[in-house]
Amino acid sequence: MATPHSGQHLWIVGGGIAGMAAAAFAIRDANIPGANIHILEELGLSGGSMDGAPSPTVPDAYVTRGGRMFEERAYQCVWNLFSTIPSLEDPTRSVRQEMLEFNGKVKTYAKARLIDANHQILDSCDYGFSLRDRLEMTRLIATPESVLGSRRIDEVFGEHFFTTNFWRCWRTTFAFQTWHSAAEMRRYCLRFLHVFENLGNLSDVRRSVYNQYDSMIVPLQRWLLEQGVDVRFATRVTDVDFVDNGAAGRRATALHLETAEGTSLLPLGPNDHAIITIGSITADATYGNETVVPELIRGRADHGWSLWEQIAKKAPDFGRPMAFYGNIDEHKWESFTLTMHGETLLNRIIEYTGNTPGTGALMTWIESGWHLSVVVPHQPHFPNMPKDTYTLWGYGFEIDNRGDYVPKRMSEATGREILTEMIHQLGFEDILDEVLATTDVTTVMMPYASALFACRKPGDRPKVVPDRSQNFAFLGQFTELPEDIVFTVEYSIHGAMHAVYTLLGVNRSCPPIYHGIVDPKASFSATKTMLTR
């Protein structure tokens, strides 16, 4: 435990999971008084991209922009944090204990992971590797990042690999496209080598009781407020001033603020620290409904990238945001949340898949024009949901293609048309009219959903704690944590832990990054899987 730091103040820019985790580690492990920790958040609520809420476009409906899955061995920083945060409904249990108990009862084993154009459920555990696929996978794992550089995934694998069930499961589980970073895929392979065997059924997945906002963000926020943390909503940080004293180091000296009252300058004292979240995968997200198509914003309108753009001008090692936001058409997604007022669709999916809600995983139509995937979570997915109300989440991976039953791009389709396409993909035409009449659809367009997978080179992402930093660090999915994998809650929390421990002199280490390649059992299992499937 660190010694008390009663004279220090910690200013955290961004109230997402990374910023909230940084505040928690500062209190728990660095002994900073909660009242000396300040979270500055532009929006009106905490959680950032880790959301789950009433729909902004449909009354009495719900929405989650994305889905998150967890796993035991690869998420050590997540479990470290939430083992000390009381759960939403039972303060005598931690969030970690609650999730362990829940997953002991509601076990994931997907029976309908991949589906073809004839509505037939495929054997998703028959990966279909060729000898060349095996050699290319082995070569990717063995090739250092310094050699891979900014190469794309389709530059290290041949065409056949992208027809295998392994790739079909992999790309939709982790959200990879063929043009994404080969270096990042290598990191994922090393990190999740132990799940190769179960990728077709996702039995290694762990989930929260409710959506992650209610099950994880709300308990964490409640705990922070109980510790006296100063959370300031509707407070935008537009810029950060730095001074470089050469060998003596670099310091953040002031934050430029914008609130409803106007602009102001917040000087940082000699004992103050600043931890700054950069970039956003949900920047400029827009919402639609049954009749309204969500707009695709291309002009970076909501400031999600502007702070990093300002900061990046000040030093060459503060990263290059353009490398990630510069190609919207390669990174955009559209997701949708169904709010079902009745059990008809839910029961048909249960009958079709053999999975009760929460025990399945992504169902992917591998030949669908929009490359649709959906998942039915455990119900209720939100606390205090009305009786006979259920939710389902899905997304499209090829949203500029034409649908198979709705002859237009998904990006141009209404929620009603997306639901129609989904029902036809399931082969449930006999209940289409009833489902349309009893289901609300909230759609979400996200221009930068997979921007963090963009091909990159060294320097595109700044270090969490830049060289010679005396009092500042960066957070989020666009920082560089060697060997760790982006697009995970683990990455955000790991970065927060590393920032706090380094800046505030906490005499303990972050949990080691798990790599299946050095686990003899995991390595043997993965090798056997690649050789026999």
Protein backbone atom coordinates (compact mmCIF):
# COMPACT_ATOMS: atom_id res chain seq x y z
CA MET A 1 0.00 0.00 0.00
CA ALA A 2 1.27 3.45 -0.89
CA THR A 3 1.72 6.16 1.70
CA PRO A 4 -1.03 8.81 1.98
CA HIS A 5 -1.05 11.52 -0.72
CA SER A 6 -3.38 14.03 0.91
CA GLY A 7 -1.77 16.99 -0.88
CA GLN A 8 -2.04 15.55 -4.36
CA HIS A 9 -4.92 15.92 -6.76
CA LEU A 10 -5.62 13.58 -9.65
CA TRP A 11 -7.48 15.01 -12.64
CA ILE A 12 -8.97 12.35 -14.90
CA VAL A 13 -10.20 13.38 -18.33
CA GLY A 14 -12.99 11.05 -19.44
CA GLY A 15 -15.55 9.17 -17.38
CA GLY A 16 -15.47 5.88 -19.28
CA ILE A 17 -14.38 2.58 -17.77
CA ALA A 18 -10.69 3.53 -18.11
CA GLY A 19 -11.09 6.81 -16.22
CA MET A 20 -13.31 5.24 -13.58
CA ALA A 21 -10.84 2.39 -13.08
CA ALA A 22 -7.99 4.89 -12.70
CA ALA A 23 -9.92 6.64 -9.92
CA ALA A 24 -10.59 3.32 -8.18
CA PHE A 25 -6.95 2.22 -8.32
CA ALA A 26 -5.81 5.64 -7.07
CA ILE A 27 -8.04 5.26 -4.00
CA ARG A 28 -7.53 1.56 -3.37
CA ASP A 29 -3.83 1.17 -4.15
CA ALA A 30 -2.26 4.66 -4.12
CA ASN A 31 -4.13 5.90 -1.01
CA ILE A 32 -5.33 9.11 -2.69
CA PRO A 33 -8.37 10.55 -0.85
CA GLY A 34 -11.48 10.32 -2.98
CA ALA A 35 -12.13 14.05 -2.57
CA ASN A 36 -8.78 14.72 -4.30
CA ILE A 37 -9.80 12.80 -7.41
CA HIS A 38 -11.71 14.66 -10.11
CA ILE A 39 -13.32 13.04 -13.16
CA LEU A 40 -14.12 15.46 -15.99
CA GLU A 41 -16.69 14.06 -18.41
CA GLU A 42 -18.22 15.86 -21.38
CA LEU A 43 -21.37 13.74 -21.41
CA GLY A 44 -24.07 13.58 -18.78
CA LEU A 45 -23.26 10.09 -17.51
CA SER A 46 -20.37 7.76 -16.82
CA GLY A 47 -19.44 4.62 -18.70
CA GLY A 48 -18.33 5.97 -22.08
CA SER A 49 -18.65 3.25 -24.71
CA MET A 50 -19.65 0.67 -22.09
CA ASP A 51 -23.31 1.54 -22.20
CA GLY A 52 -26.81 0.09 -21.84
CA ALA A 53 -29.78 2.40 -21.55
CA PRO A 54 -33.35 3.24 -22.49
CA SER A 55 -33.56 3.85 -26.22
CA PRO A 56 -33.22 7.54 -27.18
CA THR A 57 -35.44 7.05 -30.24
CA VAL A 58 -38.11 4.54 -29.13
CA PRO A 59 -40.32 4.88 -26.01
CA ASP A 60 -40.31 1.89 -23.65
CA ALA A 61 -37.40 0.28 -25.47
CA TYR A 62 -33.72 -0.39 -24.74
CA VAL A 63 -30.40 -0.14 -26.53
CA THR A 64 -26.82 -1.32 -26.20
CA ARG A 65 -24.40 -0.08 -28.83
CA GLY A 66 -22.10 -3.07 -28.45
CA GLY A 67 -21.75 -6.41 -26.71
CA ARG A 68 -18.90 -7.46 -24.46
CA MET A 69 -17.68 -10.88 -23.45
CA PHE A 70 -15.22 -11.80 -20.72
CA GLU A 71 -12.92 -14.74 -20.08
CA GLU A 72 -11.18 -16.08 -17.00
CA ARG A 73 -7.49 -16.15 -17.84
CA ALA A 74 -7.11 -13.15 -20.16
CA TYR A 75 -8.99 -10.59 -18.02
CA GLN A 76 -6.86 -10.42 -14.90
CA CYS A 77 -7.01 -6.63 -14.45
CA VAL A 78 -10.80 -6.68 -14.79
CA TRP A 79 -11.13 -9.33 -12.09
CA ASN A 80 -8.58 -7.54 -9.91
CA LEU A 81 -10.67 -4.36 -9.93
CA PHE A 82 -14.12 -5.86 -9.64
CA SER A 83 -13.16 -8.25 -6.86
CA THR A 84 -13.28 -5.18 -4.59
CA ILE A 85 -16.38 -3.43 -5.96
CA PRO A 86 -19.74 -4.34 -4.31
CA SER A 87 -22.30 -5.71 -6.75
CA LEU A 88 -25.39 -3.90 -7.95
CA GLU A 89 -27.96 -5.74 -5.85
CA ASP A 90 -25.99 -7.32 -3.00
CA PRO A 91 -23.30 -5.18 -1.32
CA THR A 92 -22.03 -8.23 0.61
CA ARG A 93 -20.80 -9.71 -2.68
CA SER A 94 -18.34 -8.24 -5.14
CA VAL A 95 -19.10 -7.85 -8.82
CA ARG A 96 -16.51 -10.58 -9.41
CA GLN A 97 -18.25 -12.99 -7.01
CA GLU A 98 -21.61 -12.21 -8.57
CA MET A 99 -20.31 -12.97 -12.06
CA LEU A 100 -18.65 -16.20 -10.93
CA GLU A 101 -21.88 -17.42 -9.36
CA PHE A 102 -23.96 -16.33 -12.34
CA ASN A 103 -21.73 -18.07 -14.88
CA GLY A 104 -21.72 -21.19 -12.72
CA LYS A 105 -25.48 -21.35 -13.24
CA VAL A 106 -25.87 -19.90 -16.75
CA LYS A 107 -23.17 -21.60 -18.79
CA THR A 108 -22.37 -20.61 -22.36
CA TYR A 109 -22.28 -23.31 -25.01
CA ALA A 110 -23.45 -22.07 -28.39
CA LYS A 111 -25.30 -24.68 -30.44
CA ALA A 112 -26.02 -22.41 -33.41
CA ARG A 113 -22.85 -20.39 -33.91
CA LEU A 114 -22.85 -20.47 -37.73
CA ILE A 115 -25.88 -20.68 -40.04
CA ASP A 116 -25.98 -21.00 -43.81
CA ALA A 117 -28.32 -19.49 -46.41
CA ASN A 118 -30.70 -22.46 -46.10
CA HIS A 119 -31.19 -21.85 -42.35
CA GLN A 120 -29.07 -24.90 -41.57
CA ILE A 121 -26.95 -24.81 -38.42
CA LEU A 122 -23.36 -25.71 -39.33
CA ASP A 123 -20.80 -27.65 -37.35
CA SER A 124 -18.86 -24.60 -36.23
CA CYS A 125 -16.23 -26.75 -34.50
CA ASP A 126 -15.19 -28.21 -37.87
CA TYR A 127 -12.76 -25.43 -38.67
CA GLY A 128 -11.78 -26.59 -42.15
CA PHE A 129 -8.06 -25.80 -41.97
CA SER A 130 -5.88 -26.70 -44.93
CA LEU A 131 -2.18 -27.41 -44.58
CA ARG A 132 -1.45 -23.94 -45.91
CA ASP A 133 -3.82 -22.37 -43.37
CA ARG A 134 -1.99 -24.14 -40.56
CA LEU A 135 1.38 -23.01 -41.82
CA GLU A 136 0.21 -19.42 -42.22
CA MET A 137 -1.25 -19.36 -38.72
CA THR A 138 1.98 -20.75 -37.28
CA ARG A 139 4.01 -18.21 -39.23
CA LEU A 140 1.85 -15.31 -37.99
CA ILE A 141 2.29 -16.35 -34.36
CA ALA A 142 6.05 -16.75 -34.84
CA THR A 143 6.59 -13.43 -36.65
CA PRO A 144 7.54 -10.48 -34.38
CA GLU A 145 5.50 -7.29 -34.60
CA SER A 146 8.58 -5.43 -35.76
CA VAL A 147 8.58 -7.62 -38.88
CA LEU A 148 4.80 -7.58 -39.42
CA GLY A 149 4.77 -3.78 -39.26
CA SER A 150 1.57 -2.30 -40.69
CA ARG A 151 0.63 -5.34 -42.80
CA ARG A 152 -3.03 -6.33 -43.19
CA ILE A 153 -4.46 -9.70 -42.21
CA ASP A 154 -5.14 -10.56 -45.86
CA GLU A 155 -1.46 -9.99 -46.58
CA VAL A 156 -0.43 -12.87 -44.31
CA PHE A 157 -3.18 -15.40 -45.15
CA GLY A 158 -4.29 -16.88 -48.46
CA GLU A 159 -7.85 -16.82 -49.79
CA HIS A 160 -8.78 -20.25 -48.42
CA PHE A 161 -8.22 -19.19 -44.81
CA PHE A 162 -11.07 -16.70 -45.11
CA THR A 163 -13.49 -19.50 -46.08
CA THR A 164 -12.78 -21.57 -42.97
CA ASN A 165 -15.21 -21.84 -40.09
CA PHE A 166 -12.35 -20.81 -37.82
CA TRP A 167 -12.15 -17.40 -39.51
CA ARG A 168 -15.94 -17.09 -39.59
CA CYS A 169 -16.05 -17.60 -35.83
CA TRP A 170 -12.92 -15.56 -35.16
CA ARG A 171 -13.88 -12.46 -37.14
CA THR A 172 -17.34 -12.13 -35.61
CA THR A 173 -16.28 -13.00 -32.06
CA PHE A 174 -13.49 -10.41 -32.02
CA ALA A 175 -14.68 -8.08 -34.85
CA PHE A 176 -11.78 -8.46 -37.25
CA GLN A 177 -11.97 -7.62 -40.94
CA THR A 178 -9.50 -8.86 -43.56
CA TRP A 179 -7.98 -5.40 -43.90
CA HIS A 180 -7.28 -4.98 -40.18
CA SER A 181 -3.90 -5.10 -38.49
CA ALA A 182 -2.07 -8.42 -38.71
CA ALA A 183 -0.02 -7.38 -35.68
CA GLU A 184 -3.19 -7.01 -33.62
CA MET A 185 -4.48 -10.40 -34.79
CA ARG A 186 -1.17 -11.94 -33.73
CA ARG A 187 -1.62 -10.43 -30.27
CA TYR A 188 -5.10 -11.93 -30.10
CA CYS A 189 -3.80 -15.33 -31.13
CA LEU A 190 -1.17 -15.26 -28.40
CA ARG A 191 -3.64 -13.97 -25.81
CA PHE A 192 -6.47 -16.37 -26.69
CA LEU A 193 -4.58 -19.43 -27.88
CA HIS A 194 -6.29 -21.38 -25.10
CA VAL A 195 -9.76 -20.69 -26.58
CA PHE A 196 -8.95 -22.05 -30.06
CA GLU A 197 -10.49 -25.39 -29.09
CA ASN A 198 -13.80 -23.81 -28.02
CA LEU A 199 -14.05 -20.96 -30.51
CA GLY A 200 -16.92 -22.71 -32.26
CA ASN A 201 -19.09 -22.86 -29.13
CA LEU A 202 -17.62 -20.00 -27.07
CA SER A 203 -17.86 -22.01 -23.86
CA ASP A 204 -14.97 -19.96 -22.43
CA VAL A 205 -17.12 -16.80 -22.44
CA ARG A 206 -18.13 -15.22 -19.15
CA ARG A 207 -20.97 -12.70 -18.89
CA SER A 208 -22.46 -10.28 -16.40
CA VAL A 209 -25.94 -10.74 -14.89
CA TYR A 210 -27.36 -7.70 -16.67
CA ASN A 211 -25.89 -5.52 -19.41
CA GLN A 212 -22.41 -4.32 -18.48
CA TYR A 213 -23.52 -0.77 -17.75
CA ASP A 214 -25.86 -1.88 -14.98
CA SER A 215 -23.76 -4.79 -13.74
CA MET A 216 -20.34 -3.11 -13.81
CA ILE A 217 -20.44 0.64 -14.47
CA VAL A 218 -23.25 1.45 -12.01
CA PRO A 219 -21.66 -0.43 -9.06
CA LEU A 220 -18.26 1.12 -9.80
CA GLN A 221 -19.73 4.60 -10.05
CA ARG A 222 -21.62 4.12 -6.79
CA TRP A 223 -18.44 3.00 -5.02
CA LEU A 224 -16.46 5.99 -6.35
CA LEU A 225 -19.12 8.44 -5.17
CA GLU A 226 -19.16 6.79 -1.75
CA GLN A 227 -15.40 7.45 -1.55
CA GLY A 228 -16.05 11.15 -2.24
CA VAL A 229 -14.77 11.30 -5.83
CA ASP A 230 -15.63 14.60 -7.55
CA VAL A 231 -17.40 13.75 -10.82
CA ARG A 232 -18.09 16.74 -13.08
CA PHE A 233 -20.43 16.04 -15.97
CA ALA A 234 -20.96 18.39 -18.93
CA THR A 235 -17.31 19.39 -18.61
CA ARG A 236 -15.28 19.20 -21.79
CA VAL A 237 -11.49 19.35 -21.81
CA THR A 238 -10.50 21.03 -25.07
CA ASP A 239 -6.72 21.13 -24.65
CA VAL A 240 -3.84 20.38 -22.30
CA ASP A 241 -0.76 22.53 -21.79
CA PHE A 242 2.62 20.84 -21.38
CA VAL A 243 6.13 22.06 -20.60
CA ASP A 244 9.29 20.20 -21.54
CA ASN A 245 12.18 20.71 -19.15
CA GLY A 246 14.57 18.49 -21.05
CA ALA A 247 16.33 15.97 -18.87
CA ALA A 248 14.19 17.07 -15.90
CA GLY A 249 11.13 15.70 -17.66
CA ARG A 250 7.81 16.84 -19.09
CA ARG A 251 4.79 18.08 -17.19
CA ALA A 252 1.15 18.79 -17.87
CA THR A 253 0.58 22.30 -16.50
CA ALA A 254 -3.05 23.17 -17.25
CA LEU A 255 -6.34 21.85 -18.59
CA HIS A 256 -8.53 23.98 -20.85
CA LEU A 257 -12.18 23.53 -19.86
CA GLU A 258 -15.48 24.27 -21.54
CA THR A 259 -18.74 24.15 -19.57
CA ALA A 260 -22.17 25.73 -19.79
CA GLU A 261 -20.70 28.75 -17.99
CA GLY A 262 -18.01 29.26 -20.64
CA THR A 263 -14.31 28.50 -21.01
CA SER A 264 -11.73 28.45 -18.24
CA LEU A 265 -8.18 27.38 -17.47
CA LEU A 266 -7.47 24.87 -14.72
CA PRO A 267 -3.83 25.11 -13.61
CA LEU A 268 -2.22 21.92 -12.34
CA GLY A 269 -0.25 22.34 -9.13
CA PRO A 270 3.21 20.91 -8.48
CA ASN A 271 1.71 17.80 -6.86
CA ASP A 272 -1.13 17.31 -9.35
CA HIS A 273 -1.41 14.57 -11.96
CA ALA A 274 -3.49 14.32 -15.12
CA ILE A 275 -4.68 11.10 -16.75
CA ILE A 276 -6.22 11.76 -20.16
CA THR A 277 -8.48 9.52 -22.24
CA ILE A 278 -7.83 9.82 -25.99
CA GLY A 279 -9.96 8.76 -28.97
CA SER A 280 -13.36 7.07 -29.01
CA ILE A 281 -14.83 4.09 -30.86
CA THR A 282 -18.35 5.41 -30.25
CA ALA A 283 -17.69 8.99 -31.33
CA ASP A 284 -20.48 10.40 -33.53
CA ALA A 285 -22.76 7.44 -32.88
CA THR A 286 -26.28 8.14 -34.17
CA TYR A 287 -29.57 6.36 -33.49
CA GLY A 288 -32.51 5.26 -35.59
CA ASN A 289 -35.69 3.28 -35.11
CA GLU A 290 -38.30 1.30 -37.06
CA THR A 291 -38.77 4.11 -39.58
CA VAL A 292 -35.67 6.31 -39.20
CA VAL A 293 -32.25 5.37 -40.62
CA PRO A 294 -29.34 6.52 -38.43
CA GLU A 295 -27.11 9.09 -40.10
CA LEU A 296 -23.49 8.31 -40.88
CA ILE A 297 -21.47 11.31 -39.67
CA ARG A 298 -18.13 11.73 -41.40
CA GLY A 299 -17.01 15.06 -40.01
CA ARG A 300 -16.01 14.26 -36.39
CA ALA A 301 -18.81 16.36 -34.96
CA ASP A 302 -19.00 15.40 -31.28
CA HIS A 303 -15.42 16.11 -30.10
CA GLY A 304 -14.61 12.44 -29.52
CA TRP A 305 -11.28 12.89 -31.34
CA SER A 306 -10.61 16.60 -30.97
CA LEU A 307 -8.69 16.50 -27.68
CA TRP A 308 -6.25 13.91 -28.99
CA GLU A 309 -5.86 15.96 -32.19
CA GLN A 310 -4.85 18.98 -30.10
CA ILE A 311 -2.50 17.02 -27.87
CA ALA A 312 -0.85 15.18 -30.78
CA LYS A 313 0.42 18.49 -32.17
CA LYS A 314 2.54 19.08 -29.07
CA ALA A 315 5.01 16.19 -29.23
CA PRO A 316 5.89 13.54 -31.82
CA ASP A 317 5.37 10.70 -29.34
CA PHE A 318 1.79 11.72 -28.46
CA GLY A 319 0.43 9.61 -31.30
CA ARG A 320 -1.23 10.10 -34.67
CA PRO A 321 -5.04 10.03 -34.41
CA MET A 322 -5.41 10.32 -38.18
CA ALA A 323 -4.12 6.74 -38.48
CA PHE A 324 -7.32 5.57 -36.79
CA TYR A 325 -10.12 7.94 -37.72
CA GLY A 326 -9.00 8.47 -41.30
CA ASN A 327 -10.98 5.71 -43.03
CA ILE A 328 -14.57 5.55 -41.82
CA ASP A 329 -15.67 3.10 -44.51
CA GLU A 330 -13.25 0.49 -43.19
CA HIS A 331 -14.28 0.91 -39.57
CA LYS A 332 -18.01 1.65 -39.45
CA TRP A 333 -20.56 -0.72 -37.98
CA GLU A 334 -24.28 -0.73 -37.47
CA SER A 335 -25.80 -2.49 -34.48
CA PHE A 336 -29.42 -2.96 -33.48
CA THR A 337 -31.30 -3.80 -30.30
CA LEU A 338 -34.70 -5.49 -30.40
CA THR A 339 -37.14 -4.85 -27.56
CA MET A 340 -39.67 -7.67 -27.83
CA HIS A 341 -43.05 -7.18 -26.16
CA GLY A 342 -43.96 -10.85 -26.03
CA GLU A 343 -42.28 -14.26 -26.21
CA THR A 344 -43.07 -15.39 -29.74
CA LEU A 345 -39.69 -14.63 -31.35
CA LEU A 346 -37.75 -15.54 -28.23
CA ASN A 347 -39.40 -18.96 -27.97
CA ARG A 348 -38.85 -19.71 -31.64
CA ILE A 349 -35.14 -18.90 -31.33
CA ILE A 350 -34.89 -21.16 -28.26
CA GLU A 351 -36.58 -23.98 -30.17
CA TYR A 352 -34.43 -23.44 -33.26
CA THR A 353 -31.05 -23.18 -31.49
CA GLY A 354 -31.51 -25.37 -28.43
CA ASN A 355 -30.08 -22.55 -26.32
CA THR A 356 -32.03 -20.79 -23.59
CA PRO A 357 -31.30 -17.03 -23.30
CA GLY A 358 -27.78 -16.43 -22.02
CA THR A 359 -26.47 -19.91 -22.84
CA GLY A 360 -25.89 -19.27 -26.53
CA ALA A 361 -23.53 -16.83 -28.19
CA LEU A 362 -23.38 -14.98 -31.48
CA MET A 363 -25.45 -16.57 -34.25
CA THR A 364 -23.84 -15.59 -37.55
CA TRP A 365 -25.36 -16.00 -41.02
CA ILE A 366 -22.17 -16.62 -42.92
CA GLU A 367 -23.66 -16.07 -46.39
CA SER A 368 -25.91 -13.13 -45.60
CA GLY A 369 -25.30 -9.99 -47.59
CA TRP A 370 -25.04 -7.84 -44.48
CA HIS A 371 -23.11 -10.55 -42.61
CA LEU A 372 -25.56 -10.43 -39.74
CA SER A 373 -24.91 -11.72 -36.23
CA VAL A 374 -27.26 -11.69 -33.23
CA VAL A 375 -27.11 -12.83 -29.62
CA VAL A 376 -29.87 -13.44 -27.09
CA PRO A 377 -28.65 -12.47 -23.60
CA HIS A 378 -29.93 -13.81 -20.33
CA GLN A 379 -33.27 -12.22 -19.49
CA PRO A 380 -33.96 -9.73 -18.08
CA HIS A 381 -31.01 -7.89 -19.61
CA PHE A 382 -31.90 -4.66 -17.80
CA PRO A 383 -32.97 -4.36 -14.16
CA ASN A 384 -36.68 -3.73 -13.56
CA MET A 385 -37.75 -4.58 -17.11
CA PRO A 386 -41.52 -4.85 -17.51
CA LYS A 387 -43.06 -8.30 -17.57
CA ASP A 388 -43.10 -10.01 -20.99
CA THR A 389 -40.39 -7.68 -22.31
CA TYR A 390 -37.15 -9.09 -23.70
CA THR A 391 -34.13 -7.84 -25.63
CA LEU A 392 -31.82 -9.14 -28.35
CA TRP A 393 -28.71 -7.50 -29.79
CA GLY A 394 -27.14 -7.82 -33.23
CA TYR A 395 -24.89 -6.14 -35.75
CA GLY A 396 -23.97 -6.06 -39.40
CA PHE A 397 -20.40 -6.45 -40.60
CA GLU A 398 -20.94 -5.65 -44.29
CA ILE A 399 -23.39 -2.79 -44.04
CA ASP A 400 -22.79 -1.40 -47.54
CA ASN A 401 -23.86 -4.67 -49.18
CA ARG A 402 -27.43 -5.44 -50.28
CA GLY A 403 -29.59 -7.62 -48.08
CA ASP A 404 -30.78 -11.02 -49.27
CA TYR A 405 -34.45 -10.28 -48.59
CA VAL A 406 -34.42 -6.49 -48.24
CA PRO A 407 -32.84 -5.23 -51.49
CA LYS A 408 -30.88 -2.32 -50.09
CA ARG A 409 -27.77 -1.60 -48.07
CA MET A 410 -28.07 -2.16 -44.34
CA SER A 411 -26.74 1.37 -43.86
CA GLU A 412 -29.81 2.61 -45.76
CA ALA A 413 -32.36 0.30 -44.10
CA THR A 414 -34.86 1.21 -41.41
CA GLY A 415 -35.12 -0.78 -38.21
CA ARG A 416 -38.26 -2.46 -39.53
CA GLU A 417 -36.38 -3.57 -42.64
CA ILE A 418 -33.44 -4.87 -40.59
CA LEU A 419 -35.85 -6.88 -38.45
CA THR A 420 -37.52 -8.21 -41.60
CA GLU A 421 -34.16 -9.32 -43.01
CA MET A 422 -33.29 -11.04 -39.72
CA ILE A 423 -36.58 -12.95 -39.56
CA HIS A 424 -36.09 -14.19 -43.13
CA GLN A 425 -32.51 -15.26 -42.33
CA LEU A 426 -33.95 -17.34 -39.49
CA GLY A 427 -36.63 -18.80 -41.75
CA PHE A 428 -39.41 -17.60 -39.44
CA GLU A 429 -41.60 -16.00 -42.12
CA ASP A 430 -44.75 -17.44 -40.54
CA ILE A 431 -44.38 -15.15 -37.51
CA LEU A 432 -43.07 -12.08 -39.38
CA ASP A 433 -46.23 -9.98 -39.08
CA GLU A 434 -46.62 -10.70 -35.36
CA VAL A 435 -42.95 -9.95 -34.65
CA LEU A 436 -43.08 -6.67 -36.59
CA ALA A 437 -46.18 -5.64 -34.64
CA THR A 438 -44.73 -6.44 -31.21
CA THR A 439 -41.06 -5.49 -31.54
CA ASP A 440 -39.32 -2.13 -31.19
CA VAL A 441 -36.01 -1.67 -33.01
CA THR A 442 -33.29 0.79 -32.08
CA THR A 443 -30.45 1.03 -34.58
CA VAL A 444 -27.02 2.60 -34.02
CA MET A 445 -24.51 3.78 -36.62
CA MET A 446 -20.93 3.94 -35.33
CA PRO A 447 -18.35 5.40 -37.75
CA TYR A 448 -15.31 4.30 -35.71
CA ALA A 449 -16.45 1.02 -34.11
CA SER A 450 -13.40 -0.96 -35.23
CA ALA A 451 -10.96 1.92 -35.78
CA LEU A 452 -8.71 0.55 -33.07
CA PHE A 453 -7.89 -2.41 -35.38
CA ALA A 454 -6.52 -0.13 -38.10
CA CYS A 455 -3.13 -1.07 -39.51
CA ARG A 456 -0.59 0.88 -37.51
CA LYS A 457 3.11 1.47 -37.16
CA PRO A 458 5.20 2.28 -34.06
CA GLY A 459 4.36 5.75 -32.79
CA ASP A 460 0.77 5.83 -34.03
CA ARG A 461 -0.35 5.07 -30.47
CA PRO A 462 1.27 6.92 -27.56
CA LYS A 463 2.59 5.07 -24.55
CA VAL A 464 0.28 5.07 -21.54
CA VAL A 465 3.01 6.90 -19.64
CA PRO A 466 5.16 8.74 -22.22
CA ASP A 467 8.92 8.90 -21.78
CA ARG A 468 10.06 11.54 -19.27
CA SER A 469 6.51 12.17 -18.09
CA GLN A 470 6.44 13.53 -14.57
CA ASN A 471 2.72 13.87 -13.99
CA PHE A 472 0.60 12.77 -16.95
CA ALA A 473 -0.56 9.62 -18.71
CA PHE A 474 -2.92 8.62 -21.51
CA LEU A 475 -5.80 6.15 -21.34
CA GLY A 476 -8.09 4.22 -23.65
CA GLN A 477 -8.10 1.91 -26.62
CA PHE A 478 -5.69 4.06 -28.65
CA THR A 479 -2.73 3.89 -26.29
CA GLU A 480 0.13 1.42 -26.58
CA LEU A 481 0.31 -1.41 -24.04
CA PRO A 482 2.92 -3.88 -25.32
CA GLU A 483 1.51 -7.38 -25.90
CA ASP A 484 -2.02 -6.56 -24.74
CA ILE A 485 -5.11 -6.56 -26.99
CA VAL A 486 -7.44 -3.67 -27.78
CA PHE A 487 -11.24 -3.80 -28.06
CA THR A 488 -11.49 -5.32 -24.60
CA VAL A 489 -12.50 -3.94 -21.22
CA GLU A 490 -9.28 -5.52 -20.01
CA TYR A 491 -7.19 -3.14 -22.15
CA SER A 492 -8.86 -0.06 -20.70
CA ILE A 493 -8.51 -1.26 -17.10
CA HIS A 494 -4.96 -2.51 -17.60
CA GLY A 495 -3.96 0.91 -18.95
CA ALA A 496 -5.59 2.63 -15.96
CA MET A 497 -3.75 0.38 -13.51
CA HIS A 498 -0.43 0.91 -15.27
CA ALA A 499 -0.91 4.69 -15.34
CA VAL A 500 -1.80 4.95 -11.65
CA TYR A 501 0.89 2.59 -10.44
CA THR A 502 3.58 4.36 -12.48
CA LEU A 503 2.62 7.98 -11.80
CA LEU A 504 1.74 7.56 -8.13
CA GLY A 505 4.53 5.19 -7.17
CA VAL A 506 2.46 2.19 -6.16
CA ASN A 507 4.82 -0.57 -5.10
CA ARG A 508 3.10 -3.46 -6.84
CA SER A 509 2.90 -4.80 -10.36
CA CYS A 510 -0.01 -5.16 -12.74
CA PRO A 511 -1.14 -8.77 -13.19
CA PRO A 512 1.00 -10.44 -15.85
CA ILE A 513 -0.44 -10.69 -19.35
CA TYR A 514 -1.64 -14.22 -19.98
CA HIS A 515 -0.26 -15.82 -23.14
CA GLY A 516 -1.50 -19.28 -24.01
CA ILE A 517 1.66 -19.96 -25.99
CA VAL A 518 3.65 -20.38 -22.74
CA ASP A 519 0.95 -22.52 -21.09
CA PRO A 520 1.83 -26.13 -22.03
CA LYS A 521 -1.78 -27.34 -21.83
CA ALA A 522 -3.13 -24.42 -23.86
CA SER A 523 -0.34 -24.68 -26.43
CA PHE A 524 -0.88 -28.43 -26.84
CA SER A 525 -4.66 -27.97 -27.15
CA ALA A 526 -4.29 -25.24 -29.79
CA THR A 527 -1.77 -27.27 -31.77
CA LYS A 528 -4.05 -30.31 -31.69
CA THR A 529 -6.99 -28.16 -32.80
CA MET A 530 -5.12 -26.74 -35.79
CA LEU A 531 -3.83 -30.17 -36.84
CA THR A 532 -7.12 -32.06 -36.59
CA ARG A 533 -9.92 -29.65 -37.53
